[in-house]
Amino acid sequence: MDFAPHVKSSVDIVAVVGEYVRLKKHGARFVGLCPFHSEKAPSFGVHPGLQFFKCFGCGKGGDVFNFLMEIEGMSFFEALKTLAEQHGIPLPKRGPDAMADEETRLRAAL
């Protein structure tokens, strides 16, 4: 399994979003006030079964990585690393082949 899908399936999106948004269970999903725009009635939903969030007010939505990227202003890789570290998932080691490939890619970009 690739690392990002492994992290995503190991992390509870409701717990992550719940650190930023007061969520209330509503059927199979959780609802709350959107952290991305000002509102008085909740239009923000988190679907734990799908590991997905969506705001019907401002249109923002995505997975746990998208949420953390948007709320914290992180890159995908920063969000991936943060979630892995917070949930005790060891980061993969980069072997010499991966480092050589990265060096080749960087040299080609010059």
PDB file of N, CA and C in Angstrom:
ATOM      1  N   MET A   1       0.849  -1.180   0.000  1.00  0.00           N
ATOM      2  CA  MET A   1       0.000   0.000   0.000  1.00  0.00           C
ATOM      3  C   MET A   1       0.894   1.242   0.000  1.00  0.00           C
ATOM      4  N   ASP A   2       0.503   2.219  -0.774  1.00  0.00           N
ATOM      5  CA  ASP A   2       1.232   3.486  -0.779  1.00  0.00           C
ATOM      6  C   ASP A   2       1.079   4.164   0.578  1.00  0.00           C
ATOM      7  N   PHE A   3       2.020   5.035   0.885  1.00  0.00           N
ATOM      8  CA  PHE A   3       2.053   5.655   2.205  1.00  0.00           C
ATOM      9  C   PHE A   3       0.854   6.573   2.455  1.00  0.00           C
ATOM     10  N   ALA A   4       0.516   7.457   1.508  1.00  0.00           N
ATOM     11  CA  ALA A   4      -0.587   8.410   1.714  1.00  0.00           C
ATOM     12  C   ALA A   4      -1.916   7.691   1.952  1.00  0.00           C
ATOM     13  N   PRO A   5      -2.301   6.694   1.128  1.00  0.00           N
ATOM     14  CA  PRO A   5      -3.546   5.975   1.420  1.00  0.00           C
ATOM     15  C   PRO A   5      -3.510   5.255   2.774  1.00  0.00           C
ATOM     16  N   HIS A   6      -2.331   4.764   3.156  1.00  0.00           N
ATOM     17  CA  HIS A   6      -2.195   4.101   4.460  1.00  0.00           C
ATOM     18  C   HIS A   6      -2.473   5.097   5.588  1.00  0.00           C
ATOM     19  N   VAL A   7      -1.900   6.290   5.497  1.00  0.00           N
ATOM     20  CA  VAL A   7      -2.129   7.318   6.520  1.00  0.00           C
ATOM     21  C   VAL A   7      -3.603   7.707   6.532  1.00  0.00           C
ATOM     22  N   LYS A   8      -4.171   7.947   5.360  1.00  0.00           N
ATOM     23  CA  LYS A   8      -5.574   8.362   5.256  1.00  0.00           C
ATOM     24  C   LYS A   8      -6.511   7.336   5.891  1.00  0.00           C
ATOM     25  N   SER A   9      -6.267   6.054   5.627  1.00  0.00           N
ATOM     26  CA  SER A   9      -7.146   5.020   6.176  1.00  0.00           C
ATOM     27  C   SER A   9      -6.918   4.806   7.674  1.00  0.00           C
ATOM     28  N   SER A  10      -5.793   5.258   8.191  1.00  0.00           N
ATOM     29  CA  SER A  10      -5.472   5.087   9.612  1.00  0.00           C
ATOM     30  C   SER A  10      -5.944   6.256  10.474  1.00  0.00           C
ATOM     31  N   VAL A  11      -6.308   7.356   9.837  1.00  0.00           N
ATOM     32  CA  VAL A  11      -6.670   8.581  10.554  1.00  0.00           C
ATOM     33  C   VAL A  11      -8.186   8.760  10.523  1.00  0.00           C
ATOM     34  N   ASP A  12      -8.759   9.130  11.655  1.00  0.00           N
ATOM     35  CA  ASP A  12     -10.192   9.411  11.745  1.00  0.00           C
ATOM     36  C   ASP A  12     -10.420  10.887  11.411  1.00  0.00           C
ATOM     37  N   ILE A  13     -11.041  11.144  10.269  1.00  0.00           N
ATOM     38  CA  ILE A  13     -11.250  12.530   9.836  1.00  0.00           C
ATOM     39  C   ILE A  13     -12.110  13.303  10.832  1.00  0.00           C
ATOM     40  N   VAL A  14     -13.048  12.626  11.487  1.00  0.00           N
ATOM     41  CA  VAL A  14     -13.899  13.309  12.465  1.00  0.00           C
ATOM     42  C   VAL A  14     -13.055  13.830  13.631  1.00  0.00           C
ATOM     43  N   ALA A  15     -12.100  13.035  14.081  1.00  0.00           N
ATOM     44  CA  ALA A  15     -11.226  13.467  15.182  1.00  0.00           C
ATOM     45  C   ALA A  15     -10.345  14.642  14.758  1.00  0.00           C
ATOM     46  N   VAL A  16      -9.819  14.591  13.536  1.00  0.00           N
ATOM     47  CA  VAL A  16      -8.951  15.674  13.051  1.00  0.00           C
ATOM     48  C   VAL A  16      -9.754  16.962  12.897  1.00  0.00           C
ATOM     49  N   VAL A  17     -10.882  16.895  12.204  1.00  0.00           N
ATOM     50  CA  VAL A  17     -11.715  18.087  12.007  1.00  0.00           C
ATOM     51  C   VAL A  17     -12.236  18.587  13.354  1.00  0.00           C
ATOM     52  N   GLY A  18     -12.557  17.650  14.249  1.00  0.00           N
ATOM     53  CA  GLY A  18     -13.075  18.005  15.567  1.00  0.00           C
ATOM     54  C   GLY A  18     -12.113  18.819  16.416  1.00  0.00           C
ATOM     55  N   GLU A  19     -10.839  18.809  16.066  1.00  0.00           N
ATOM     56  CA  GLU A  19      -9.871  19.655  16.765  1.00  0.00           C
ATOM     57  C   GLU A  19     -10.044  21.129  16.392  1.00  0.00           C
ATOM     58  N   TYR A  20     -10.731  21.401  15.290  1.00  0.00           N
ATOM     59  CA  TYR A  20     -10.908  22.767  14.790  1.00  0.00           C
ATOM     60  C   TYR A  20     -12.370  23.207  14.772  1.00  0.00           C
ATOM     61  N   VAL A  21     -13.283  22.250  14.695  1.00  0.00           N
ATOM     62  CA  VAL A  21     -14.704  22.547  14.516  1.00  0.00           C
ATOM     63  C   VAL A  21     -15.514  21.762  15.551  1.00  0.00           C
ATOM     64  N   ARG A  22     -16.461  22.432  16.174  1.00  0.00           N
ATOM     65  CA  ARG A  22     -17.375  21.724  17.077  1.00  0.00           C
ATOM     66  C   ARG A  22     -18.378  20.969  16.217  1.00  0.00           C
ATOM     67  N   LEU A  23     -18.310  19.647  16.264  1.00  0.00           N
ATOM     68  CA  LEU A  23     -19.158  18.810  15.422  1.00  0.00           C
ATOM     69  C   LEU A  23     -20.265  18.161  16.237  1.00  0.00           C
ATOM     70  N   LYS A  24     -21.410  17.978  15.570  1.00  0.00           N
ATOM     71  CA  LYS A  24     -22.557  17.331  16.194  1.00  0.00           C
ATOM     72  C   LYS A  24     -23.014  16.202  15.276  1.00  0.00           C
ATOM     73  N   LYS A  25     -23.247  15.021  15.843  1.00  0.00           N
ATOM     74  CA  LYS A  25     -23.677  13.877  15.034  1.00  0.00           C
ATOM     75  C   LYS A  25     -25.070  14.141  14.479  1.00  0.00           C
ATOM     76  N   HIS A  26     -25.229  13.882  13.196  1.00  0.00           N
ATOM     77  CA  HIS A  26     -26.508  14.077  12.520  1.00  0.00           C
ATOM     78  C   HIS A  26     -26.681  12.923  11.540  1.00  0.00           C
ATOM     79  N   GLY A  27     -27.325  11.852  11.988  1.00  0.00           N
ATOM     80  CA  GLY A  27     -27.442  10.659  11.147  1.00  0.00           C
ATOM     81  C   GLY A  27     -26.089   9.981  11.029  1.00  0.00           C
ATOM     82  N   ALA A  28     -25.703   9.694   9.796  1.00  0.00           N
ATOM     83  CA  ALA A  28     -24.426   9.017   9.545  1.00  0.00           C
ATOM     84  C   ALA A  28     -23.258   9.993   9.439  1.00  0.00           C
ATOM     85  N   ARG A  29     -23.539  11.292   9.497  1.00  0.00           N
ATOM     86  CA  ARG A  29     -22.463  12.274   9.354  1.00  0.00           C
ATOM     87  C   ARG A  29     -22.426  13.198  10.562  1.00  0.00           C
ATOM     88  N   PHE A  30     -21.461  14.088  10.542  1.00  0.00           N
ATOM     89  CA  PHE A  30     -21.318  15.092  11.588  1.00  0.00           C
ATOM     90  C   PHE A  30     -21.430  16.460  10.932  1.00  0.00           C
ATOM     91  N   VAL A  31     -22.060  17.410  11.615  1.00  0.00           N
ATOM     92  CA  VAL A  31     -22.228  18.754  11.056  1.00  0.00           C
ATOM     93  C   VAL A  31     -21.685  19.792  12.032  1.00  0.00           C
ATOM     94  N   GLY A  32     -21.340  20.946  11.479  1.00  0.00           N
ATOM     95  CA  GLY A  32     -20.853  22.053  12.287  1.00  0.00           C
ATOM     96  C   GLY A  32     -20.750  23.310  11.449  1.00  0.00           C
ATOM     97  N   LEU A  33     -20.326  24.378  12.094  1.00  0.00           N
ATOM     98  CA  LEU A  33     -20.116  25.636  11.381  1.00  0.00           C
ATOM     99  C   LEU A  33     -18.808  25.548  10.609  1.00  0.00           C
ATOM    100  N   CYS A  34     -18.831  25.993   9.385  1.00  0.00           N
ATOM    101  CA  CYS A  34     -17.662  25.904   8.515  1.00  0.00           C
ATOM    102  C   CYS A  34     -16.527  26.792   9.040  1.00  0.00           C
ATOM    103  N   PRO A  35     -15.322  26.238   9.138  1.00  0.00           N
ATOM    104  CA  PRO A  35     -14.189  27.043   9.591  1.00  0.00           C
ATOM    105  C   PRO A  35     -13.596  27.930   8.494  1.00  0.00           C
ATOM    106  N   PHE A  36     -14.107  27.778   7.263  1.00  0.00           N
ATOM    107  CA  PHE A  36     -13.531  28.497   6.129  1.00  0.00           C
ATOM    108  C   PHE A  36     -14.311  29.743   5.731  1.00  0.00           C
ATOM    109  N   HIS A  37     -15.511  29.905   6.271  1.00  0.00           N
ATOM    110  CA  HIS A  37     -16.270  31.129   6.025  1.00  0.00           C
ATOM    111  C   HIS A  37     -17.202  31.381   7.215  1.00  0.00           C
ATOM    112  N   SER A  38     -17.696  32.602   7.319  1.00  0.00           N
ATOM    113  CA  SER A  38     -18.569  32.977   8.426  1.00  0.00           C
ATOM    114  C   SER A  38     -19.995  32.520   8.141  1.00  0.00           C
ATOM    115  N   GLU A  39     -20.604  31.852   9.107  1.00  0.00           N
ATOM    116  CA  GLU A  39     -21.990  31.415   8.945  1.00  0.00           C
ATOM    117  C   GLU A  39     -22.638  31.250  10.310  1.00  0.00           C
ATOM    118  N   LYS A  40     -23.972  31.293  10.325  1.00  0.00           N
ATOM    119  CA  LYS A  40     -24.716  31.126  11.568  1.00  0.00           C
ATOM    120  C   LYS A  40     -25.391  29.761  11.639  1.00  0.00           C
ATOM    121  N   ALA A  41     -25.719  29.189  10.501  1.00  0.00           N
ATOM    122  CA  ALA A  41     -26.339  27.858  10.456  1.00  0.00           C
ATOM    123  C   ALA A  41     -25.331  26.881   9.857  1.00  0.00           C
ATOM    124  N   PRO A  42     -25.197  25.707  10.438  1.00  0.00           N
ATOM    125  CA  PRO A  42     -24.187  24.754   9.957  1.00  0.00           C
ATOM    126  C   PRO A  42     -24.461  24.252   8.537  1.00  0.00           C
ATOM    127  N   SER A  43     -23.474  24.424   7.684  1.00  0.00           N
ATOM    128  CA  SER A  43     -23.560  23.898   6.314  1.00  0.00           C
ATOM    129  C   SER A  43     -22.356  23.008   6.010  1.00  0.00           C
ATOM    130  N   PHE A  44     -21.592  22.700   7.045  1.00  0.00           N
ATOM    131  CA  PHE A  44     -20.355  21.942   6.934  1.00  0.00           C
ATOM    132  C   PHE A  44     -20.603  20.531   7.455  1.00  0.00           C
ATOM    133  N   GLY A  45     -20.284  19.541   6.629  1.00  0.00           N
ATOM    134  CA  GLY A  45     -20.496  18.157   7.034  1.00  0.00           C
ATOM    135  C   GLY A  45     -19.244  17.314   6.896  1.00  0.00           C
ATOM    136  N   VAL A  46     -19.101  16.354   7.801  1.00  0.00           N
ATOM    137  CA  VAL A  46     -18.002  15.394   7.758  1.00  0.00           C
ATOM    138  C   VAL A  46     -18.624  14.006   7.681  1.00  0.00           C
ATOM    139  N   HIS A  47     -18.187  13.226   6.700  1.00  0.00           N
ATOM    140  CA  HIS A  47     -18.713  11.886   6.466  1.00  0.00           C
ATOM    141  C   HIS A  47     -17.640  10.866   6.842  1.00  0.00           C
ATOM    142  N   PRO A  48     -17.749  10.273   8.052  1.00  0.00           N
ATOM    143  CA  PRO A  48     -16.690   9.364   8.500  1.00  0.00           C
ATOM    144  C   PRO A  48     -16.529   8.126   7.624  1.00  0.00           C
ATOM    145  N   GLY A  49     -17.609   7.583   7.104  1.00  0.00           N
ATOM    146  CA  GLY A  49     -17.524   6.392   6.256  1.00  0.00           C
ATOM    147  C   GLY A  49     -16.771   6.647   4.968  1.00  0.00           C
ATOM    148  N   LEU A  50     -16.919   7.845   4.429  1.00  0.00           N
ATOM    149  CA  LEU A  50     -16.246   8.220   3.186  1.00  0.00           C
ATOM    150  C   LEU A  50     -14.927   8.942   3.451  1.00  0.00           C
ATOM    151  N   GLN A  51     -14.654   9.288   4.723  1.00  0.00           N
ATOM    152  CA  GLN A  51     -13.462  10.052   5.098  1.00  0.00           C
ATOM    153  C   GLN A  51     -13.381  11.341   4.263  1.00  0.00           C
ATOM    154  N   PHE A  52     -14.466  12.116   4.293  1.00  0.00           N
ATOM    155  CA  PHE A  52     -14.630  13.272   3.421  1.00  0.00           C
ATOM    156  C   PHE A  52     -15.347  14.389   4.168  1.00  0.00           C
ATOM    157  N   PHE A  53     -14.985  15.648   3.877  1.00  0.00           N
ATOM    158  CA  PHE A  53     -15.728  16.792   4.409  1.00  0.00           C
ATOM    159  C   PHE A  53     -16.236  17.626   3.244  1.00  0.00           C
ATOM    160  N   LYS A  54     -17.337  18.366   3.487  1.00  0.00           N
ATOM    161  CA  LYS A  54     -17.902  19.220   2.438  1.00  0.00           C
ATOM    162  C   LYS A  54     -18.681  20.349   3.090  1.00  0.00           C
ATOM    163  N   CYS A  55     -18.464  21.571   2.602  1.00  0.00           N
ATOM    164  CA  CYS A  55     -19.262  22.710   3.028  1.00  0.00           C
ATOM    165  C   CYS A  55     -20.170  23.098   1.871  1.00  0.00           C
ATOM    166  N   PHE A  56     -21.460  23.112   2.132  1.00  0.00           N
ATOM    167  CA  PHE A  56     -22.405  23.485   1.083  1.00  0.00           C
ATOM    168  C   PHE A  56     -22.584  24.993   1.002  1.00  0.00           C
ATOM    169  N   GLY A  57     -21.969  25.730   1.923  1.00  0.00           N
ATOM    170  CA  GLY A  57     -22.009  27.190   1.880  1.00  0.00           C
ATOM    171  C   GLY A  57     -20.929  27.768   0.981  1.00  0.00           C
ATOM    172  N   CYS A  58     -19.688  27.327   1.185  1.00  0.00           N
ATOM    173  CA  CYS A  58     -18.571  27.891   0.411  1.00  0.00           C
ATOM    174  C   CYS A  58     -18.027  26.919  -0.636  1.00  0.00           C
ATOM    175  N   GLY A  59     -18.451  25.658  -0.567  1.00  0.00           N
ATOM    176  CA  GLY A  59     -18.041  24.688  -1.582  1.00  0.00           C
ATOM    177  C   GLY A  59     -16.753  23.943  -1.291  1.00  0.00           C
ATOM    178  N   LYS A  60     -16.076  24.282  -0.207  1.00  0.00           N
ATOM    179  CA  LYS A  60     -14.824  23.569   0.091  1.00  0.00           C
ATOM    180  C   LYS A  60     -15.137  22.142   0.519  1.00  0.00           C
ATOM    181  N   GLY A  61     -14.241  21.250   0.122  1.00  0.00           N
ATOM    182  CA  GLY A  61     -14.427  19.857   0.498  1.00  0.00           C
ATOM    183  C   GLY A  61     -13.192  19.059   0.164  1.00  0.00           C
ATOM    184  N   GLY A  62     -13.147  17.839   0.639  1.00  0.00           N
ATOM    185  CA  GLY A  62     -12.021  16.971   0.345  1.00  0.00           C
ATOM    186  C   GLY A  62     -11.781  15.981   1.456  1.00  0.00           C
ATOM    187  N   ASP A  63     -10.583  15.420   1.461  1.00  0.00           N
ATOM    188  CA  ASP A  63     -10.231  14.423   2.466  1.00  0.00           C
ATOM    189  C   ASP A  63      -9.492  15.079   3.631  1.00  0.00           C
ATOM    190  N   VAL A  64      -8.970  14.264   4.515  1.00  0.00           N
ATOM    191  CA  VAL A  64      -8.294  14.773   5.706  1.00  0.00           C
ATOM    192  C   VAL A  64      -7.056  15.603   5.340  1.00  0.00           C
ATOM    193  N   PHE A  65      -6.378  15.237   4.250  1.00  0.00           N
ATOM    194  CA  PHE A  65      -5.211  16.016   3.812  1.00  0.00           C
ATOM    195  C   PHE A  65      -5.645  17.404   3.346  1.00  0.00           C
ATOM    196  N   ASN A  66      -6.721  17.459   2.530  1.00  0.00           N
ATOM    197  CA  ASN A  66      -7.229  18.743   2.049  1.00  0.00           C
ATOM    198  C   ASN A  66      -7.645  19.643   3.207  1.00  0.00           C
ATOM    199  N   PHE A  67      -8.289  19.043   4.214  1.00  0.00           N
ATOM    200  CA  PHE A  67      -8.724  19.838   5.362  1.00  0.00           C
ATOM    201  C   PHE A  67      -7.532  20.477   6.064  1.00  0.00           C
ATOM    202  N   LEU A  68      -6.532  19.675   6.378  1.00  0.00           N
ATOM    203  CA  LEU A  68      -5.359  20.189   7.085  1.00  0.00           C
ATOM    204  C   LEU A  68      -4.595  21.204   6.235  1.00  0.00           C
ATOM    205  N   MET A  69      -4.494  20.959   4.934  1.00  0.00           N
ATOM    206  CA  MET A  69      -3.823  21.901   4.035  1.00  0.00           C
ATOM    207  C   MET A  69      -4.532  23.251   4.056  1.00  0.00           C
ATOM    208  N   GLU A  70      -5.862  23.213   4.003  1.00  0.00           N
ATOM    209  CA  GLU A  70      -6.651  24.447   3.947  1.00  0.00           C
ATOM    210  C   GLU A  70      -6.623  25.189   5.286  1.00  0.00           C
ATOM    211  N   ILE A  71      -6.832  24.477   6.366  1.00  0.00           N
ATOM    212  CA  ILE A  71      -6.961  25.134   7.672  1.00  0.00           C
ATOM    213  C   ILE A  71      -5.620  25.616   8.220  1.00  0.00           C
ATOM    214  N   GLU A  72      -4.538  24.903   7.901  1.00  0.00           N
ATOM    215  CA  GLU A  72      -3.214  25.248   8.427  1.00  0.00           C
ATOM    216  C   GLU A  72      -2.299  25.887   7.385  1.00  0.00           C
ATOM    217  N   GLY A  73      -2.749  25.971   6.124  1.00  0.00           N
ATOM    218  CA  GLY A  73      -1.918  26.546   5.070  1.00  0.00           C
ATOM    219  C   GLY A  73      -0.701  25.689   4.758  1.00  0.00           C
ATOM    220  N   MET A  74      -0.878  24.385   4.839  1.00  0.00           N
ATOM    221  CA  MET A  74       0.228  23.443   4.613  1.00  0.00           C
ATOM    222  C   MET A  74       0.227  22.930   3.186  1.00  0.00           C
ATOM    223  N   SER A  75       1.369  22.393   2.780  1.00  0.00           N
ATOM    224  CA  SER A  75       1.438  21.649   1.523  1.00  0.00           C
ATOM    225  C   SER A  75       0.925  20.235   1.789  1.00  0.00           C
ATOM    226  N   PHE A  76       0.695  19.478   0.716  1.00  0.00           N
ATOM    227  CA  PHE A  76       0.255  18.091   0.873  1.00  0.00           C
ATOM    228  C   PHE A  76       1.270  17.298   1.699  1.00  0.00           C
ATOM    229  N   PHE A  77       2.543  17.444   1.383  1.00  0.00           N
ATOM    230  CA  PHE A  77       3.569  16.671   2.079  1.00  0.00           C
ATOM    231  C   PHE A  77       3.672  17.049   3.552  1.00  0.00           C
ATOM    232  N   GLU A  78       3.478  18.334   3.872  1.00  0.00           N
ATOM    233  CA  GLU A  78       3.475  18.751   5.280  1.00  0.00           C
ATOM    234  C   GLU A  78       2.288  18.140   6.020  1.00  0.00           C
ATOM    235  N   ALA A  79       1.118  18.137   5.378  1.00  0.00           N
ATOM    236  CA  ALA A  79      -0.070  17.543   5.992  1.00  0.00           C
ATOM    237  C   ALA A  79       0.116  16.042   6.190  1.00  0.00           C
ATOM    238  N   LEU A  80       0.669  15.378   5.187  1.00  0.00           N
ATOM    239  CA  LEU A  80       0.925  13.939   5.272  1.00  0.00           C
ATOM    240  C   LEU A  80       1.870  13.633   6.437  1.00  0.00           C
ATOM    241  N   LYS A  81       2.952  14.374   6.519  1.00  0.00           N
ATOM    242  CA  LYS A  81       3.944  14.163   7.583  1.00  0.00           C
ATOM    243  C   LYS A  81       3.339  14.458   8.954  1.00  0.00           C
ATOM    244  N   THR A  82       2.595  15.544   9.068  1.00  0.00           N
ATOM    245  CA  THR A  82       1.969  15.921  10.335  1.00  0.00           C
ATOM    246  C   THR A  82       1.021  14.836  10.823  1.00  0.00           C
ATOM    247  N   LEU A  83       0.147  14.366   9.932  1.00  0.00           N
ATOM    248  CA  LEU A  83      -0.812  13.332  10.324  1.00  0.00           C
ATOM    249  C   LEU A  83      -0.113  12.032  10.696  1.00  0.00           C
ATOM    250  N   ALA A  84       0.897  11.663   9.928  1.00  0.00           N
ATOM    251  CA  ALA A  84       1.643  10.434  10.229  1.00  0.00           C
ATOM    252  C   ALA A  84       2.286  10.538  11.608  1.00  0.00           C
ATOM    253  N   GLU A  85       2.940  11.652  11.883  1.00  0.00           N
ATOM    254  CA  GLU A  85       3.609  11.833  13.173  1.00  0.00           C
ATOM    255  C   GLU A  85       2.609  11.868  14.325  1.00  0.00           C
ATOM    256  N   GLN A  86       1.476  12.551  14.142  1.00  0.00           N
ATOM    257  CA  GLN A  86       0.465  12.648  15.198  1.00  0.00           C
ATOM    258  C   GLN A  86      -0.151  11.290  15.528  1.00  0.00           C
ATOM    259  N   HIS A  87      -0.172  10.398  14.544  1.00  0.00           N
ATOM    260  CA  HIS A  87      -0.823   9.102  14.737  1.00  0.00           C
ATOM    261  C   HIS A  87       0.163   7.947  14.862  1.00  0.00           C
ATOM    262  N   GLY A  88       1.428   8.274  15.092  1.00  0.00           N
ATOM    263  CA  GLY A  88       2.430   7.248  15.341  1.00  0.00           C
ATOM    264  C   GLY A  88       2.735   6.347  14.163  1.00  0.00           C
ATOM    265  N   ILE A  89       2.568   6.863  12.955  1.00  0.00           N
ATOM    266  CA  ILE A  89       2.857   6.091  11.745  1.00  0.00           C
ATOM    267  C   ILE A  89       4.261   6.465  11.288  1.00  0.00           C
ATOM    268  N   PRO A  90       5.181   5.496  11.285  1.00  0.00           N
ATOM    269  CA  PRO A  90       6.559   5.828  10.898  1.00  0.00           C
ATOM    270  C   PRO A  90       6.652   6.270   9.441  1.00  0.00           C
ATOM    271  N   LEU A  91       7.430   7.309   9.218  1.00  0.00           N
ATOM    272  CA  LEU A  91       7.648   7.797   7.856  1.00  0.00           C
ATOM    273  C   LEU A  91       8.538   6.806   7.118  1.00  0.00           C
ATOM    274  N   PRO A  92       8.276   6.589   5.831  1.00  0.00           N
ATOM    275  CA  PRO A  92       9.118   5.651   5.082  1.00  0.00           C
ATOM    276  C   PRO A  92      10.535   6.197   4.935  1.00  0.00           C
ATOM    277  N   LYS A  93      11.465   5.315   4.970  1.00  0.00           N
ATOM    278  CA  LYS A  93      12.871   5.694   4.770  1.00  0.00           C
ATOM    279  C   LYS A  93      13.113   5.853   3.280  1.00  0.00           C
ATOM    280  N   ARG A  94      13.872   6.857   2.933  1.00  0.00           N
ATOM    281  CA  ARG A  94      14.228   7.069   1.526  1.00  0.00           C
ATOM    282  C   ARG A  94      15.557   6.388   1.283  1.00  0.00           C
ATOM    283  N   GLY A  95      15.528   5.395   0.426  1.00  0.00           N
ATOM    284  CA  GLY A  95      16.735   4.649   0.108  1.00  0.00           C
ATOM    285  C   GLY A  95      17.617   5.398  -0.868  1.00  0.00           C
ATOM    286  N   PRO A  96      18.814   4.872  -1.148  1.00  0.00           N
ATOM    287  CA  PRO A  96      19.745   5.527  -2.075  1.00  0.00           C
ATOM    288  C   PRO A  96      19.161   5.690  -3.474  1.00  0.00           C
ATOM    289  N   ASP A  97      18.339   4.714  -3.919  1.00  0.00           N
ATOM    290  CA  ASP A  97      17.734   4.822  -5.252  1.00  0.00           C
ATOM    291  C   ASP A  97      16.772   5.998  -5.319  1.00  0.00           C
ATOM    292  N   ALA A  98      15.954   6.173  -4.285  1.00  0.00           N
ATOM    293  CA  ALA A  98      15.004   7.285  -4.261  1.00  0.00           C
ATOM    294  C   ALA A  98      15.747   8.614  -4.224  1.00  0.00           C
ATOM    295  N   MET A  99      16.841   8.675  -3.464  1.00  0.00           N
ATOM    296  CA  MET A  99      17.615   9.915  -3.391  1.00  0.00           C
ATOM    297  C   MET A  99      18.310  10.193  -4.716  1.00  0.00           C
ATOM    298  N   ALA A 100      18.797   9.163  -5.390  1.00  0.00           N
ATOM    299  CA  ALA A 100      19.439   9.347  -6.697  1.00  0.00           C
ATOM    300  C   ALA A 100      18.415   9.823  -7.718  1.00  0.00           C
ATOM    301  N   ASP A 101      17.195   9.255  -7.673  1.00  0.00           N
ATOM    302  CA  ASP A 101      16.131   9.691  -8.577  1.00  0.00           C
ATOM    303  C   ASP A 101      15.785  11.154  -8.336  1.00  0.00           C
ATOM    304  N   GLU A 102      15.725  11.554  -7.080  1.00  0.00           N
ATOM    305  CA  GLU A 102      15.422  12.942  -6.731  1.00  0.00           C
ATOM    306  C   GLU A 102      16.529  13.867  -7.235  1.00  0.00           C
ATOM    307  N   GLU A 103      17.774  13.460  -7.065  1.00  0.00           N
ATOM    308  CA  GLU A 103      18.901  14.264  -7.542  1.00  0.00           C
ATOM    309  C   GLU A 103      18.842  14.407  -9.058  1.00  0.00           C
ATOM    310  N   THR A 104      18.544  13.317  -9.762  1.00  0.00           N
ATOM    311  CA  THR A 104      18.430  13.354 -11.222  1.00  0.00           C
ATOM    312  C   THR A 104      17.315  14.302 -11.646  1.00  0.00           C
ATOM    313  N   ARG A 105      16.181  14.232 -10.947  1.00  0.00           N
ATOM    314  CA  ARG A 105      15.047  15.100 -11.266  1.00  0.00           C
ATOM    315  C   ARG A 105      15.415  16.567 -11.048  1.00  0.00           C
ATOM    316  N   LEU A 106      16.096  16.856  -9.953  1.00  0.00           N
ATOM    317  CA  LEU A 106      16.488  18.238  -9.667  1.00  0.00           C
ATOM    318  C   LEU A 106      17.503  18.759 -10.680  1.00  0.00           C
ATOM    319  N   ARG A 107      18.451  17.917 -11.059  1.00  0.00           N
ATOM    320  CA  ARG A 107      19.445  18.338 -12.057  1.00  0.00           C
ATOM    321  C   ARG A 107      18.779  18.605 -13.408  1.00  0.00           C
ATOM    322  N   ALA A 108      17.798  17.802 -13.759  1.00  0.00           N
ATOM    323  CA  ALA A 108      17.089  17.986 -15.026  1.00  0.00           C
ATOM    324  C   ALA A 108      16.306  19.296 -15.022  1.00  0.00           C
ATOM    325  N   ALA A 109      15.846  19.702 -13.841  1.00  0.00           N
ATOM    326  CA  ALA A 109      15.079  20.940 -13.729  1.00  0.00           C
ATOM    327  C   ALA A 109      15.960  22.174 -13.905  1.00  0.00           C
ATOM    328  N   LEU A 110      17.254  22.021 -13.672  1.00  0.00           N
ATOM    329  CA  LEU A 110      18.176  23.159 -13.812  1.00  0.00           C
ATOM    330  C   LEU A 110      18.391  23.384 -15.249  1.00  0.00           C
TER     331      LEU A 110
END
